[in-house]
Amino acid sequence: MTQALYQQARLSRDARFDGQFFVAVKTTGIFCRPICPAPAPKEGNVEYFTSSVEAAHHGYRPCIRCRPDSAPDSCAWQGKNTSFERALTLINNGALTTHSISALAERLGISSRYLNSLFQENLGTSAKNYAQHQQLMFAKSLIQQTTISMTEIAFAAGFNSVRRFNDCFKTKLKLTPSQLRKSTSLTKKTAIIRLFLSYRPPYAWSQLQTFLQHRAIASMEWCNEHSYGRSFTWPSSTRNINEDINDGLNDDGDTQSKAVTGQFTATHQPDRNGFSVEISISDLNYLLPVVRNIRRILDVDAPIAIIEQQLATVSGLTPHLCSGLRLPGTWNIFEAGVRAILGQQISVTAAIKLVTTLVHSCERLPNQGESYYFPSPQQVLNSDLSALRIPASRKASLHQLAQFMITIPNASPEQWLSIKGIGPWTVDYAKMRGLSDPNIWLGGDLGIKKALNQHDIRLTPDTITPWQSYLTFQVWNLL
């Protein structure tokens, strides 16, 4: 965008630009979202940045009024470098709270120097500063949106001590956590954490809700006209909190015995362009990666305007495009893989019955009023799967996938192809929903073929790279 376009977007306060850039005011040292209700400053006193991290690196502190930390994440840096994207994922999930830069670089297979150069090139700051900024912004959201104690917030945001938490606030935001909380009107104490997750409109909630509702597992997921929720587990071992967001395994492969447990309910609020989310979790230290995963499942950070601009180039599809269509995720890659295996060559209804049976049989009956959790690989491996009325070969595939995830938890899903009964469709479906990979085209899917034939659409998916997953869901939506 040019300076003139930035100015025009800022003065119009158009919500479609929210999160795509940030406005920093030189005279106050504060940066805002373009939709901030404060009086518009003179153009000569303004600087523009494509990310909140960049604005903070230049010495500006976030506006308390418009809360730029709650804006939809800018996607300006995405798609440029695989190592950089992977580093972002790991850092967003706390990789630098307990491990060093050199340890992170070693995990990525690159040098510390190269890792920092990637961050300097893409965000204008170091990897450590980026991680600290993410921790601060998450802590700021918790202070302004919840009533949990400052000590709990410090550890939930990934700080190793309250002193470090306070020092970082004073240095970066020019105020103390207590001063920030005084500016809010929250007084009621509650065990449930309530947060607001913004998205950049449009957002096709009706289509997403319908998709999730048709695939919801009884007593594990709940879905109605306005909300979606589910129970979840998260690995509690030190090593695995720094793994990818979808690993979902402890050192011994058992997520159920040691895992942090919880549930969330996300209620759509279209008038506010976001979701009001209620979260209960057994250990607040894992709140940050859990919130990140909820954002991924709801796909609130998609640069939807850019995606739809590219989708509009598909001949024959334009009249049928559903504006704001998102990618509905599953909690992790293992769950997505199990759903895909049980859904091979049968209807959605039949597949969900099988998945529900698996969940209920592996965990047995929970205490009254409690929710079921999706079984861990170890639980699936320990089960004889006798409750499932499927061929023995498919049961063997489930057992082998469970064993694979226990033995090589960080393996790429492409390595699943060595398992008998798992083919490219299963791997691609698992990547699309379990990893939210935006560039998966399920051209071999029977539903895709049927929809294309019904509407006489001829397309070349490669032209939609890197958004082929959105093309897949657009075509599915025609059924």
Protein backbone atom coordinates (compact mmCIF):
# COMPACT_ATOMS: atom_id res chain seq x y z
CA MET A 1 0.00 0.00 0.00
CA THR A 2 1.14 3.54 -0.72
CA GLN A 3 1.21 6.37 1.82
CA ALA A 4 -1.94 7.81 0.27
CA LEU A 5 -3.80 4.50 0.60
CA TYR A 6 -2.71 4.14 4.22
CA GLN A 7 -4.00 7.63 4.93
CA GLN A 8 -7.30 7.01 3.19
CA ALA A 9 -7.82 3.73 5.06
CA ARG A 10 -6.93 5.34 8.38
CA LEU A 11 -9.30 8.26 7.97
CA SER A 12 -12.16 6.02 6.79
CA ARG A 13 -11.70 3.66 9.82
CA ASP A 14 -12.73 0.81 7.49
CA ALA A 15 -12.81 -2.46 9.48
CA ARG A 16 -11.59 -4.38 6.43
CA PHE A 17 -8.12 -2.90 7.02
CA ASP A 18 -8.05 -3.87 10.68
CA GLY A 19 -4.88 -5.85 11.35
CA GLN A 20 -3.38 -5.19 7.90
CA PHE A 21 -1.45 -2.18 9.20
CA PHE A 22 -0.97 -0.12 12.37
CA VAL A 23 -0.86 3.64 12.89
CA ALA A 24 1.84 5.08 15.15
CA VAL A 25 1.56 8.67 16.41
CA LYS A 26 4.93 10.39 16.87
CA THR A 27 3.67 13.01 19.33
CA THR A 28 2.22 10.49 21.80
CA GLY A 29 4.46 7.46 21.24
CA ILE A 30 1.38 5.25 20.87
CA PHE A 31 0.36 2.95 18.01
CA CYS A 32 -3.25 2.08 17.16
CA ARG A 33 -5.44 0.00 14.92
CA PRO A 34 -6.82 1.89 11.87
CA ILE A 35 -10.30 1.60 13.44
CA CYS A 36 -9.32 3.39 16.67
CA PRO A 37 -12.11 5.79 17.75
CA ALA A 38 -9.64 8.42 19.00
CA PRO A 39 -9.48 11.74 17.08
CA ALA A 40 -7.42 11.31 13.92
CA PRO A 41 -3.94 12.87 14.18
CA LYS A 42 -2.36 14.99 11.48
CA GLU A 43 -0.71 13.02 8.69
CA GLY A 44 2.66 14.59 9.45
CA ASN A 45 2.59 13.10 12.93
CA VAL A 46 1.87 9.55 11.73
CA GLU A 47 3.97 6.49 10.85
CA TYR A 48 2.59 3.25 9.37
CA PHE A 49 3.69 -0.29 10.14
CA THR A 50 2.56 -3.64 8.71
CA SER A 51 2.77 -5.42 12.08
CA SER A 52 2.38 -4.54 15.75
CA VAL A 53 5.78 -6.12 16.41
CA GLU A 54 7.44 -3.64 14.06
CA ALA A 55 5.68 -0.70 15.73
CA ALA A 56 6.77 -1.86 19.18
CA HIS A 57 10.36 -2.35 17.92
CA HIS A 58 10.40 1.31 16.90
CA GLY A 59 9.56 2.39 20.44
CA TYR A 60 5.79 2.82 20.26
CA ARG A 61 3.48 1.38 22.94
CA PRO A 62 0.00 -0.05 22.23
CA CYS A 63 -3.11 2.09 22.62
CA ILE A 64 -5.20 1.17 25.67
CA ARG A 65 -8.38 2.30 23.95
CA CYS A 66 -8.35 0.28 20.69
CA ARG A 67 -6.07 -2.53 21.97
CA PRO A 68 -3.96 -3.31 18.87
CA ASP A 69 -2.96 -6.60 20.51
CA SER A 70 -6.53 -7.84 19.86
CA ALA A 71 -6.54 -6.98 16.15
CA PRO A 72 -6.57 -9.85 13.64
CA ASP A 73 -2.97 -10.90 13.09
CA SER A 74 -1.29 -9.33 10.11
CA CYS A 75 -0.34 -11.91 7.48
CA ALA A 76 2.08 -9.69 5.58
CA TRP A 77 5.02 -11.95 6.34
CA GLN A 78 3.42 -15.30 5.61
CA GLY A 79 4.36 -17.47 2.65
CA LYS A 80 7.90 -16.15 2.32
CA ASN A 81 9.97 -18.75 4.07
CA THR A 82 9.24 -22.20 5.45
CA SER A 83 11.77 -21.96 8.29
CA PHE A 84 10.43 -18.55 9.28
CA GLU A 85 6.81 -19.78 9.33
CA ARG A 86 7.78 -22.80 11.44
CA ALA A 87 9.75 -20.59 13.83
CA LEU A 88 6.70 -18.34 14.22
CA THR A 89 4.53 -21.36 15.09
CA LEU A 90 6.98 -22.65 17.68
CA ILE A 91 7.57 -19.25 19.28
CA ASN A 92 3.84 -18.53 19.39
CA ASN A 93 3.48 -21.72 21.41
CA GLY A 94 6.12 -20.83 23.97
CA ALA A 95 9.31 -22.31 22.51
CA LEU A 96 11.48 -19.50 23.88
CA THR A 97 10.00 -19.45 27.37
CA THR A 98 12.00 -22.50 28.43
CA HIS A 99 14.48 -22.97 25.57
CA SER A 100 17.20 -20.76 24.10
CA ILE A 101 17.47 -19.27 20.62
CA SER A 102 20.21 -21.77 19.80
CA ALA A 103 17.98 -24.69 20.86
CA LEU A 104 15.16 -23.38 18.66
CA ALA A 105 17.52 -22.91 15.73
CA GLU A 106 18.87 -26.44 16.16
CA ARG A 107 15.31 -27.80 16.11
CA LEU A 108 14.71 -25.94 12.84
CA GLY A 109 17.98 -27.19 11.35
CA ILE A 110 19.45 -23.71 10.89
CA SER A 111 21.94 -21.48 12.72
CA SER A 112 20.96 -18.90 15.35
CA ARG A 113 22.40 -16.18 13.16
CA TYR A 114 20.28 -17.22 10.18
CA LEU A 115 17.16 -17.48 12.38
CA ASN A 116 17.60 -13.91 13.59
CA SER A 117 18.30 -12.70 10.06
CA LEU A 118 14.95 -14.18 8.96
CA PHE A 119 13.16 -12.22 11.67
CA GLN A 120 15.05 -9.03 10.87
CA GLU A 121 14.19 -9.40 7.19
CA ASN A 122 10.51 -10.14 7.73
CA LEU A 123 9.60 -8.26 10.91
CA GLY A 124 12.46 -5.86 11.53
CA THR A 125 13.34 -7.32 14.92
CA SER A 126 15.01 -10.37 16.50
CA ALA A 127 13.33 -13.67 17.28
CA LYS A 128 13.70 -13.03 21.03
CA ASN A 129 12.06 -9.61 20.76
CA TYR A 130 9.24 -11.10 18.72
CA ALA A 131 8.64 -13.76 21.37
CA GLN A 132 8.67 -11.17 24.14
CA HIS A 133 6.21 -9.01 22.22
CA GLN A 134 3.81 -11.93 21.82
CA GLN A 135 4.04 -12.67 25.54
CA LEU A 136 3.37 -9.04 26.41
CA MET A 137 0.40 -8.71 24.09
CA PHE A 138 -1.16 -11.90 25.44
CA ALA A 139 -0.57 -10.75 29.02
CA LYS A 140 -2.10 -7.37 28.17
CA SER A 141 -5.23 -9.09 26.83
CA LEU A 142 -5.54 -11.18 29.99
CA ILE A 143 -5.16 -8.10 32.21
CA GLN A 144 -7.81 -6.17 30.28
CA GLN A 145 -10.26 -9.01 29.67
CA THR A 146 -10.01 -11.22 32.77
CA THR A 147 -9.81 -10.91 36.56
CA ILE A 148 -7.19 -13.61 37.18
CA SER A 149 -4.26 -12.56 39.38
CA MET A 150 -1.12 -10.90 38.05
CA THR A 151 0.97 -13.88 39.14
CA GLU A 152 -1.24 -16.27 37.18
CA ILE A 153 -1.14 -13.95 34.16
CA ALA A 154 2.66 -13.75 34.30
CA PHE A 155 3.07 -17.52 34.12
CA ALA A 156 0.19 -17.99 31.67
CA ALA A 157 1.93 -15.59 29.28
CA GLY A 158 5.19 -17.53 29.53
CA PHE A 159 7.23 -15.35 31.91
CA ASN A 160 9.45 -17.29 34.29
CA SER A 161 8.98 -14.84 37.16
CA VAL A 162 6.70 -12.01 38.24
CA ARG A 163 9.70 -9.69 38.50
CA ARG A 164 10.64 -10.28 34.87
CA PHE A 165 6.98 -9.81 33.92
CA ASN A 166 6.82 -6.41 35.68
CA ASP A 167 10.19 -5.23 34.33
CA CYS A 168 9.21 -6.15 30.78
CA PHE A 169 5.93 -4.24 31.09
CA LYS A 170 7.66 -1.12 32.36
CA THR A 171 10.35 -1.24 29.69
CA LYS A 172 8.18 -2.00 26.67
CA LEU A 173 4.76 -0.53 27.54
CA LYS A 174 5.85 2.33 29.81
CA LEU A 175 3.39 1.37 32.55
CA THR A 176 2.96 -1.29 35.20
CA PRO A 177 0.48 -4.20 34.97
CA SER A 178 -1.42 -2.74 37.94
CA GLN A 179 -1.79 0.62 36.19
CA LEU A 180 -3.18 -1.12 33.13
CA ARG A 181 -5.72 -3.09 35.18
CA LYS A 182 -6.94 0.08 36.90
CA SER A 183 -8.05 1.35 33.48
CA THR A 184 -10.47 -1.57 33.11
CA SER A 185 -13.86 -2.02 34.78
CA LEU A 186 -13.57 -5.76 35.55
CA THR A 187 -14.48 -6.60 39.12
CA LYS A 188 -16.29 -9.94 39.14
CA LYS A 189 -14.11 -12.93 39.97
CA THR A 190 -14.67 -16.05 37.89
CA ALA A 191 -12.98 -19.38 37.29
CA ILE A 192 -13.79 -19.14 33.58
CA ILE A 193 -11.48 -17.09 31.39
CA ARG A 194 -13.30 -14.88 28.89
CA LEU A 195 -11.44 -13.51 25.89
CA PHE A 196 -12.40 -11.87 22.62
CA LEU A 197 -10.85 -13.08 19.34
CA SER A 198 -11.21 -10.67 16.43
CA TYR A 199 -11.27 -11.53 12.75
CA ARG A 200 -11.12 -9.54 9.56
CA PRO A 201 -14.55 -9.62 7.85
CA PRO A 202 -16.25 -11.10 5.96
CA TYR A 203 -16.71 -14.31 7.95
CA ALA A 204 -19.11 -17.01 6.75
CA TRP A 205 -20.14 -18.25 10.20
CA SER A 206 -23.27 -20.03 8.99
CA GLN A 207 -21.29 -22.30 6.66
CA LEU A 208 -18.57 -22.96 9.24
CA GLN A 209 -21.14 -23.72 11.94
CA THR A 210 -23.01 -26.14 9.66
CA PHE A 211 -19.79 -27.96 8.75
CA LEU A 212 -18.73 -28.33 12.40
CA GLN A 213 -22.21 -29.29 13.61
CA HIS A 214 -22.52 -32.13 11.07
CA ARG A 215 -19.19 -33.53 12.30
CA ALA A 216 -19.56 -32.88 16.04
CA ILE A 217 -18.84 -35.77 18.43
CA ALA A 218 -21.52 -36.14 21.11
CA SER A 219 -20.35 -35.18 24.63
CA MET A 220 -17.03 -33.93 23.25
CA GLU A 221 -18.23 -31.10 21.02
CA TRP A 222 -21.26 -28.85 21.20
CA CYS A 223 -22.59 -26.58 18.50
CA ASN A 224 -25.66 -24.39 18.02
CA GLU A 225 -26.73 -21.50 15.84
CA HIS A 226 -24.36 -19.03 17.48
CA SER A 227 -21.53 -21.00 19.07
CA TYR A 228 -19.12 -23.93 18.88
CA GLY A 229 -17.23 -25.56 21.72
CA ARG A 230 -15.40 -28.71 22.71
CA SER A 231 -13.29 -30.39 25.38
CA PHE A 232 -9.55 -30.66 24.84
CA THR A 233 -6.29 -31.95 26.26
CA TRP A 234 -2.83 -30.43 26.00
CA PRO A 235 0.52 -32.11 26.70
CA SER A 236 1.99 -31.06 30.04
CA SER A 237 5.59 -32.23 29.66
CA THR A 238 8.29 -29.55 29.38
CA ARG A 239 9.60 -30.94 26.11
CA ASN A 240 6.30 -31.06 24.32
CA ILE A 241 4.98 -27.62 25.16
CA ASN A 242 7.68 -26.44 22.77
CA GLU A 243 6.65 -28.79 19.99
CA ASP A 244 4.42 -27.86 17.09
CA ILE A 245 0.88 -26.85 17.96
CA ASN A 246 -0.50 -30.17 16.72
CA ASP A 247 1.91 -32.70 18.27
CA GLY A 248 -0.34 -33.48 21.24
CA LEU A 249 1.93 -36.11 22.90
CA ASN A 250 3.87 -36.48 26.14
CA ASP A 251 7.25 -38.24 26.27
CA ASP A 252 5.55 -41.57 26.89
CA GLY A 253 2.92 -40.89 24.23
CA ASP A 254 0.08 -40.70 26.77
CA THR A 255 -1.87 -37.47 26.56
CA GLN A 256 -4.65 -38.57 28.84
CA SER A 257 -2.80 -39.45 32.06
CA LYS A 258 -0.65 -36.33 32.29
CA ALA A 259 -2.31 -33.88 29.95
CA VAL A 260 -3.76 -30.53 30.89
CA THR A 261 -7.52 -30.67 30.32
CA GLY A 262 -10.15 -28.06 29.59
CA GLN A 263 -12.94 -26.91 27.34
CA PHE A 264 -13.93 -23.81 25.42
CA THR A 265 -17.04 -22.30 23.89
CA ALA A 266 -16.71 -19.67 21.15
CA THR A 267 -19.79 -17.51 20.55
CA HIS A 268 -19.96 -15.61 17.28
CA GLN A 269 -20.56 -11.86 17.59
CA PRO A 270 -20.85 -10.51 14.04
CA ASP A 271 -21.54 -6.96 15.25
CA ARG A 272 -18.06 -6.95 16.82
CA ASN A 273 -16.31 -8.96 14.07
CA GLY A 274 -15.14 -11.69 16.37
CA PHE A 275 -15.82 -14.43 18.90
CA SER A 276 -16.41 -14.20 22.62
CA VAL A 277 -14.59 -17.25 23.98
CA GLU A 278 -15.02 -18.83 27.39
CA ILE A 279 -12.18 -21.14 28.43
CA SER A 280 -11.71 -23.36 31.45
CA ILE A 281 -8.32 -25.04 31.79
CA SER A 282 -6.67 -27.10 34.52
CA ASP A 283 -3.30 -25.30 34.24
CA LEU A 284 -3.04 -21.64 33.23
CA ASN A 285 0.59 -22.10 32.18
CA TYR A 286 -0.75 -23.62 28.96
CA LEU A 287 -3.32 -20.97 28.18
CA LEU A 288 -1.25 -19.22 25.49
CA PRO A 289 -0.83 -22.23 23.14
CA VAL A 290 -4.44 -23.26 23.77
CA VAL A 291 -5.73 -19.85 22.70
CA ARG A 292 -3.50 -20.00 19.62
CA ASN A 293 -5.00 -23.35 18.74
CA ILE A 294 -8.54 -22.00 19.12
CA ARG A 295 -7.65 -19.17 16.75
CA ARG A 296 -6.42 -21.76 14.24
CA ILE A 297 -9.54 -23.94 14.54
CA LEU A 298 -11.79 -20.94 13.89
CA ASP A 299 -9.38 -19.58 11.23
CA VAL A 300 -9.78 -16.03 12.50
CA ASP A 301 -6.41 -14.88 11.15
CA ALA A 302 -6.97 -15.65 7.47
CA PRO A 303 -6.21 -12.73 5.08
CA ILE A 304 -9.62 -13.29 3.57
CA ALA A 305 -9.58 -10.32 1.17
CA ILE A 306 -6.36 -11.57 -0.45
CA ILE A 307 -7.68 -15.14 -0.64
CA GLU A 308 -10.96 -14.15 -2.26
CA GLN A 309 -9.22 -11.89 -4.74
CA GLN A 310 -7.32 -14.93 -5.99
CA LEU A 311 -10.38 -17.22 -5.88
CA ALA A 312 -12.25 -14.73 -8.06
CA THR A 313 -9.88 -15.55 -10.93
CA VAL A 314 -11.26 -19.11 -11.21
CA SER A 315 -13.43 -19.30 -14.31
CA GLY A 316 -16.91 -20.64 -13.61
CA LEU A 317 -16.54 -20.46 -9.83
CA THR A 318 -17.03 -16.72 -9.35
CA PRO A 319 -20.87 -16.77 -9.41
CA HIS A 320 -20.86 -19.44 -6.69
CA LEU A 321 -18.24 -18.00 -4.34
CA CYS A 322 -19.22 -17.89 -0.68
CA SER A 323 -17.68 -14.75 0.77
CA GLY A 324 -15.82 -15.24 4.04
CA LEU A 325 -15.57 -19.04 3.90
CA ARG A 326 -12.96 -20.32 6.40
CA LEU A 327 -11.05 -23.54 7.11
CA PRO A 328 -12.58 -25.40 10.09
CA GLY A 329 -9.80 -27.10 12.02
CA THR A 330 -9.60 -30.09 14.34
CA TRP A 331 -7.75 -29.96 17.66
CA ASN A 332 -4.59 -31.71 16.42
CA ILE A 333 -3.11 -33.75 13.60
CA PHE A 334 -3.73 -37.12 15.28
CA GLU A 335 -7.45 -36.43 15.64
CA ALA A 336 -7.60 -35.32 12.01
CA GLY A 337 -5.83 -38.50 10.92
CA VAL A 338 -8.21 -40.74 12.85
CA ARG A 339 -11.24 -38.91 11.46
CA ALA A 340 -9.84 -39.27 7.94
CA ILE A 341 -9.18 -43.02 8.29
CA LEU A 342 -12.67 -43.68 9.66
CA GLY A 343 -14.18 -41.49 6.96
CA GLN A 344 -12.65 -43.32 4.00
CA GLN A 345 -15.25 -44.17 1.31
CA ILE A 346 -18.31 -43.70 3.55
CA SER A 347 -20.77 -40.88 4.21
CA VAL A 348 -20.11 -38.09 6.71
CA THR A 349 -22.93 -39.36 8.93
CA ALA A 350 -21.53 -42.89 9.03
CA ALA A 351 -18.02 -41.60 9.69
CA ILE A 352 -19.12 -39.48 12.66
CA LYS A 353 -20.90 -42.46 14.19
CA LEU A 354 -17.65 -44.41 14.02
CA VAL A 355 -15.56 -41.57 15.47
CA THR A 356 -18.09 -41.08 18.30
CA THR A 357 -18.00 -44.80 19.07
CA LEU A 358 -14.21 -44.71 19.19
CA VAL A 359 -14.15 -41.72 21.55
CA HIS A 360 -16.72 -43.21 23.90
CA SER A 361 -15.22 -46.70 23.93
CA CYS A 362 -11.61 -45.60 24.48
CA GLU A 363 -12.37 -43.30 27.38
CA ARG A 364 -15.21 -45.28 28.88
CA LEU A 365 -18.05 -43.44 30.59
CA PRO A 366 -16.90 -40.21 32.30
CA ASN A 367 -18.28 -38.95 35.57
CA GLN A 368 -21.72 -37.40 35.37
CA GLY A 369 -21.60 -33.91 33.92
CA GLU A 370 -18.12 -34.29 32.47
CA SER A 371 -17.09 -34.27 28.83
CA TYR A 372 -15.32 -36.94 26.83
CA TYR A 373 -11.86 -36.17 25.45
CA PHE A 374 -10.49 -37.35 22.16
CA PRO A 375 -8.34 -40.44 22.89
CA SER A 376 -4.56 -40.20 22.85
CA PRO A 377 -2.46 -42.40 20.55
CA GLN A 378 -1.62 -44.56 23.56
CA GLN A 379 -5.31 -45.11 24.34
CA VAL A 380 -6.05 -46.05 20.74
CA LEU A 381 -3.10 -48.42 20.71
CA ASN A 382 -4.24 -50.04 23.97
CA SER A 383 -7.80 -50.55 22.70
CA ASP A 384 -8.81 -53.65 20.74
CA LEU A 385 -11.25 -51.41 18.82
CA SER A 386 -13.88 -54.15 19.09
CA ALA A 387 -16.63 -51.54 19.39
CA LEU A 388 -15.94 -50.42 15.81
CA ARG A 389 -17.73 -52.34 13.07
CA ILE A 390 -15.06 -51.88 10.44
CA PRO A 391 -12.70 -54.26 8.60
CA ALA A 392 -9.73 -55.60 10.52
CA SER A 393 -7.42 -53.88 8.03
CA ARG A 394 -8.81 -50.47 8.99
CA LYS A 395 -8.39 -51.24 12.70
CA ALA A 396 -4.81 -52.16 11.90
CA SER A 397 -4.34 -48.77 10.20
CA LEU A 398 -5.57 -47.00 13.34
CA HIS A 399 -3.23 -49.01 15.54
CA GLN A 400 -0.28 -48.38 13.25
CA LEU A 401 -0.99 -44.63 13.11
CA ALA A 402 -1.17 -44.54 16.93
CA GLN A 403 2.13 -46.41 17.20
CA PHE A 404 3.69 -44.12 14.60
CA MET A 405 2.64 -40.99 16.56
CA ILE A 406 4.06 -42.42 19.77
CA THR A 407 7.35 -43.43 18.17
CA ILE A 408 7.87 -40.40 15.88
CA PRO A 409 5.58 -37.63 17.23
CA ASN A 410 7.20 -34.90 15.11
CA ALA A 411 7.09 -36.75 11.80
CA SER A 412 5.60 -35.10 8.75
CA PRO A 413 2.16 -36.52 7.81
CA GLU A 414 3.67 -37.53 4.46
CA GLN A 415 5.53 -40.24 6.39
CA TRP A 416 2.17 -41.81 7.25
CA LEU A 417 2.10 -43.10 3.66
CA SER A 418 4.29 -45.97 4.84
CA ILE A 419 1.27 -47.23 6.84
CA LYS A 420 -0.95 -49.68 4.96
CA GLY A 421 -4.40 -48.20 4.49
CA ILE A 422 -3.27 -44.57 4.50
CA GLY A 423 -3.07 -42.89 1.11
CA PRO A 424 -2.65 -39.34 -0.23
CA TRP A 425 -6.31 -38.36 0.40
CA THR A 426 -6.04 -39.28 4.10
CA VAL A 427 -2.76 -37.42 4.52
CA ASP A 428 -4.01 -34.32 2.68
CA TYR A 429 -7.29 -34.22 4.64
CA ALA A 430 -5.38 -34.53 7.93
CA LYS A 431 -3.01 -31.72 6.94
CA MET A 432 -5.85 -29.46 5.85
CA ARG A 433 -7.86 -29.85 9.05
CA GLY A 434 -5.27 -30.90 11.63
CA LEU A 435 -2.53 -28.46 10.59
CA SER A 436 -4.76 -25.90 8.83
CA ASP A 437 -2.48 -26.13 5.79
CA PRO A 438 -3.93 -23.48 3.43
CA ASN A 439 -2.68 -25.10 0.23
CA ILE A 440 -4.39 -28.52 -0.03
CA TRP A 441 -6.46 -29.41 -3.10
CA LEU A 442 -8.53 -32.58 -2.62
CA GLY A 443 -9.17 -33.09 -6.31
CA GLY A 444 -9.59 -36.84 -5.89
CA ASP A 445 -12.43 -36.45 -3.37
CA LEU A 446 -15.74 -37.82 -4.65
CA GLY A 447 -17.63 -34.78 -3.35
CA ILE A 448 -15.28 -32.42 -5.19
CA LYS A 449 -15.70 -34.34 -8.45
CA LYS A 450 -19.48 -34.36 -8.06
CA ALA A 451 -19.69 -30.61 -7.39
CA LEU A 452 -17.43 -29.73 -10.33
CA ASN A 453 -19.48 -31.89 -12.70
CA GLN A 454 -22.81 -30.55 -11.45
CA HIS A 455 -21.78 -26.95 -12.06
CA ASP A 456 -19.63 -27.66 -15.13
CA ILE A 457 -16.58 -25.98 -13.59
CA ARG A 458 -13.14 -26.49 -15.09
CA LEU A 459 -10.24 -25.22 -13.06
CA THR A 460 -6.48 -25.38 -12.58
CA PRO A 461 -5.88 -25.52 -8.80
CA ASP A 462 -2.19 -24.56 -9.09
CA THR A 463 -3.22 -21.04 -10.07
CA ILE A 464 -4.78 -20.60 -6.61
CA THR A 465 -1.55 -21.41 -4.72
CA PRO A 466 -1.08 -20.91 -1.76
CA TRP A 467 -4.84 -20.96 -1.03
CA GLN A 468 -5.94 -24.29 -2.54
CA SER A 469 -7.57 -25.42 0.74
CA TYR A 470 -9.99 -22.51 0.47
CA LEU A 471 -10.74 -23.58 -3.09
CA THR A 472 -11.47 -27.09 -1.78
CA PHE A 473 -13.99 -25.77 0.73
CA GLN A 474 -15.56 -23.41 -1.83
CA VAL A 475 -16.22 -26.39 -4.12
CA TRP A 476 -17.47 -28.53 -1.22
CA ASN A 477 -19.85 -25.72 -0.38
CA LEU A 478 -21.55 -26.18 -3.77
CA LEU A 479 -22.89 -29.61 -2.77
